[in-house]
Amino acid sequence: MHYEFPEVLNDLIDYFLIGDIYLLKKFKEDNALSDDLGSEFISNDSGDDAVKDGIVIPLAGIANYPYTIIFNLGDAPELLKPESRLQHRRGGYFLRIEHRQVMLFTWRILQNFTDAALDALQKRYREPARPQIEIDNGIYDVEILGGEVLRNDYYEPALEFVVRRTERTQLTEEVDINYHFTIDSESY
């Protein structure tokens, strides 16, 4: 099964993040971090700690394209199909899910990470075609693929998250949390 979301934008900041946003809220509270979580993440080790703890996965180098976002829960990956153009394949990430929700979100929410901002974000994400899925609570191995998928005779920039249950609770050695998932797109 896979879920596909077309035309997802980066809010003009070259970052996407994926994770359980309410677990990120708990992480913020447990570590007494400020509402400007973005500044916290770049000024101390809290961002690295959040990644190492499986709270969030950062994706740097996200150009200002409309992306097709794919959450893959067991199908053959779209970006590994012959008609796709794979440019990135990175494994070794993991996510903890405690609120039955995985969400792709932008850096902007981190800049004002308050209850009111999270409520507004959740309200927007109830609209169709928002990049989030419901998933059982647990720990998941995440492989990230980036490239272009063929849709309606055009290649579209795409990021695919292959998500599988795991017992592993640490990043693997090959994970580079600063890796850039920049996609070279001939369409843009």
Protein backbone atom coordinates (compact mmCIF):
# COMPACT_ATOMS: atom_id res chain seq x y z
CA MET A 1 0.00 0.00 0.00
CA HIS A 2 1.20 3.48 -0.74
CA TYR A 3 -0.14 7.00 -0.39
CA GLU A 4 0.69 9.70 -2.89
CA PHE A 5 0.39 13.47 -2.46
CA PRO A 6 0.96 15.73 -5.51
CA GLU A 7 2.25 19.30 -5.61
CA VAL A 8 3.65 19.58 -2.08
CA LEU A 9 5.63 22.81 -1.60
CA ASN A 10 8.53 23.65 0.74
CA ASP A 11 7.32 27.08 1.96
CA LEU A 12 10.39 28.67 0.31
CA ILE A 13 12.82 27.11 2.80
CA ASP A 14 14.99 24.26 1.51
CA TYR A 15 13.84 21.76 4.15
CA PHE A 16 11.21 19.12 4.67
CA LEU A 17 10.85 17.16 7.89
CA ILE A 18 9.00 13.93 8.50
CA GLY A 19 7.80 12.54 11.80
CA ASP A 20 5.15 12.35 14.49
CA ILE A 21 4.60 16.06 15.16
CA TYR A 22 3.06 15.48 18.59
CA LEU A 23 6.06 13.40 19.61
CA LEU A 24 8.17 16.37 18.50
CA LYS A 25 6.04 18.58 20.77
CA LYS A 26 6.72 16.19 23.68
CA PHE A 27 10.45 16.27 22.83
CA LYS A 28 10.35 20.09 22.94
CA GLU A 29 8.62 20.07 26.33
CA ASP A 30 10.83 17.32 27.83
CA ASN A 31 13.95 19.26 26.82
CA ALA A 32 12.61 22.69 27.84
CA LEU A 33 13.16 24.09 24.34
CA SER A 34 11.76 27.43 23.22
CA ASP A 35 8.84 27.97 20.86
CA ASP A 36 11.40 28.86 18.18
CA LEU A 37 12.36 25.24 17.72
CA GLY A 38 14.11 26.06 14.44
CA SER A 39 16.60 28.31 16.23
CA GLU A 40 17.06 25.67 18.92
CA PHE A 41 17.83 23.05 16.29
CA ILE A 42 20.53 25.17 14.62
CA SER A 43 22.09 26.63 17.78
CA ASN A 44 22.54 23.49 19.90
CA ASP A 45 22.46 19.69 19.63
CA SER A 46 18.70 19.37 20.09
CA GLY A 47 18.03 18.88 16.37
CA ASP A 48 20.65 16.14 16.12
CA ASP A 49 19.22 14.56 19.28
CA ALA A 50 15.70 14.59 17.82
CA VAL A 51 16.98 12.74 14.75
CA LYS A 52 19.03 10.25 16.80
CA ASP A 53 15.98 9.57 19.00
CA GLY A 54 13.76 8.83 15.97
CA ILE A 55 11.55 11.88 16.58
CA VAL A 56 12.04 13.52 13.20
CA ILE A 57 13.98 13.05 9.94
CA PRO A 58 15.27 16.22 8.23
CA LEU A 59 15.56 16.50 4.47
CA ALA A 60 17.87 19.34 3.45
CA GLY A 61 18.43 20.69 -0.05
CA ILE A 62 14.77 20.73 -1.04
CA ALA A 63 14.51 23.02 -4.05
CA ASN A 64 11.42 25.14 -4.59
CA TYR A 65 9.50 22.69 -6.80
CA PRO A 66 6.09 21.15 -6.34
CA TYR A 67 6.91 17.61 -5.17
CA THR A 68 5.07 14.34 -5.35
CA ILE A 69 5.35 12.85 -1.85
CA ILE A 70 4.91 9.09 -1.49
CA PHE A 71 4.53 7.14 1.74
CA ASN A 72 5.16 3.51 0.86
CA LEU A 73 4.08 0.82 3.33
CA GLY A 74 5.13 -2.28 1.45
CA ASP A 75 4.59 -1.82 -2.28
CA ALA A 76 7.40 -1.89 -4.80
CA PRO A 77 8.90 1.63 -4.56
CA GLU A 78 7.68 3.99 -7.27
CA LEU A 79 11.15 5.50 -7.68
CA LEU A 80 12.67 2.08 -8.36
CA LYS A 81 10.34 1.42 -11.30
CA PRO A 82 12.02 1.51 -14.75
CA GLU A 83 10.16 4.64 -15.88
CA SER A 84 11.28 6.64 -12.83
CA ARG A 85 14.53 8.58 -12.46
CA LEU A 86 16.12 7.70 -9.12
CA GLN A 87 18.69 10.22 -7.86
CA HIS A 88 18.89 9.51 -4.11
CA ARG A 89 18.52 6.35 -2.04
CA ARG A 90 19.33 6.64 1.66
CA GLY A 91 18.47 4.12 4.34
CA GLY A 92 19.21 3.68 8.01
CA TYR A 93 16.72 6.18 9.41
CA PHE A 94 14.06 5.29 11.93
CA LEU A 95 10.97 6.96 13.36
CA ARG A 96 9.06 6.48 16.58
CA ILE A 97 5.31 6.87 16.15
CA GLU A 98 3.20 7.39 19.28
CA HIS A 99 0.22 9.33 17.90
CA ARG A 100 -0.73 7.14 14.90
CA GLN A 101 0.34 9.83 12.46
CA VAL A 102 3.30 10.46 10.17
CA MET A 103 3.45 13.91 8.66
CA LEU A 104 5.72 15.68 6.19
CA PHE A 105 6.01 19.34 7.19
CA THR A 106 8.19 22.35 6.48
CA TRP A 107 10.73 24.23 8.54
CA ARG A 108 8.31 27.14 9.04
CA ILE A 109 6.30 25.33 11.73
CA LEU A 110 9.50 25.03 13.78
CA GLN A 111 9.87 28.81 13.89
CA ASN A 112 6.70 29.18 15.98
CA PHE A 113 6.17 25.74 17.51
CA THR A 114 3.25 26.57 19.80
CA ASP A 115 0.01 24.77 20.62
CA ALA A 116 -1.93 27.32 18.55
CA ALA A 117 0.38 26.83 15.54
CA LEU A 118 0.12 23.03 15.82
CA ASP A 119 -3.68 23.25 16.03
CA ALA A 120 -3.74 25.45 12.90
CA LEU A 121 -1.41 23.03 11.10
CA GLN A 122 -3.60 20.06 12.04
CA LYS A 123 -6.66 21.92 10.77
CA ARG A 124 -4.94 22.55 7.40
CA TYR A 125 -3.84 18.91 7.23
CA ARG A 126 -7.43 17.69 7.53
CA GLU A 127 -7.96 19.05 4.01
CA PRO A 128 -7.48 16.54 1.18
CA ALA A 129 -4.05 15.98 -0.40
CA ARG A 130 -1.99 16.94 2.66
CA PRO A 131 1.14 14.78 3.16
CA GLN A 132 0.26 12.75 6.24
CA ILE A 133 -0.85 9.21 6.88
CA GLU A 134 -2.30 7.27 9.75
CA ILE A 135 -0.10 4.40 10.88
CA ASP A 136 0.03 2.09 13.89
CA ASN A 137 2.14 3.24 16.80
CA GLY A 138 5.59 1.67 16.92
CA ILE A 139 9.10 2.01 15.57
CA TYR A 140 9.68 2.16 11.81
CA ASP A 141 12.69 1.81 9.57
CA VAL A 142 12.62 4.53 6.89
CA GLU A 143 14.40 4.49 3.55
CA ILE A 144 14.24 7.73 1.57
CA LEU A 145 14.26 7.76 -2.22
CA GLY A 146 14.41 10.94 -4.27
CA GLY A 147 14.19 11.62 -7.97
CA GLU A 148 11.48 12.00 -10.58
CA VAL A 149 8.34 9.97 -11.23
CA LEU A 150 6.44 9.92 -14.51
CA ARG A 151 2.94 11.32 -14.06
CA ASN A 152 0.65 12.29 -16.95
CA ASP A 153 3.52 12.17 -19.47
CA TYR A 154 5.69 14.52 -17.35
CA TYR A 155 8.47 13.87 -14.89
CA GLU A 156 7.75 15.32 -11.47
CA PRO A 157 10.23 15.75 -8.60
CA ALA A 158 9.39 13.16 -5.95
CA LEU A 159 10.38 11.97 -2.51
CA GLU A 160 9.37 8.50 -1.41
CA PHE A 161 9.45 7.22 2.15
CA VAL A 162 9.58 3.44 2.38
CA VAL A 163 8.33 2.70 5.89
CA ARG A 164 8.63 -0.73 7.57
CA ARG A 165 8.16 -1.89 11.17
CA THR A 166 11.41 -2.53 13.04
CA GLU A 167 12.76 -3.13 16.52
CA ARG A 168 15.90 -1.08 15.80
CA THR A 169 16.15 2.06 17.91
CA GLN A 170 19.30 3.63 16.52
CA LEU A 171 20.39 5.20 13.26
CA THR A 172 22.68 3.04 11.20
CA GLU A 173 26.25 4.16 10.67
CA GLU A 174 25.71 5.30 7.08
CA VAL A 175 23.13 7.97 8.03
CA ASP A 176 24.29 11.51 7.30
CA ILE A 177 21.73 13.76 8.98
CA ASN A 178 23.00 16.70 6.91
CA TYR A 179 22.62 14.91 3.56
CA HIS A 180 21.12 17.09 0.80
CA PHE A 181 18.21 15.55 -1.11
CA THR A 182 18.48 18.07 -3.96
CA ILE A 183 16.68 16.78 -7.02
CA ASP A 184 17.83 17.82 -10.46
CA SER A 185 14.59 18.22 -12.36
CA GLU A 186 14.49 18.82 -16.08
CA SER A 187 10.87 19.94 -15.75
CA TYR A 188 11.64 23.07 -13.70
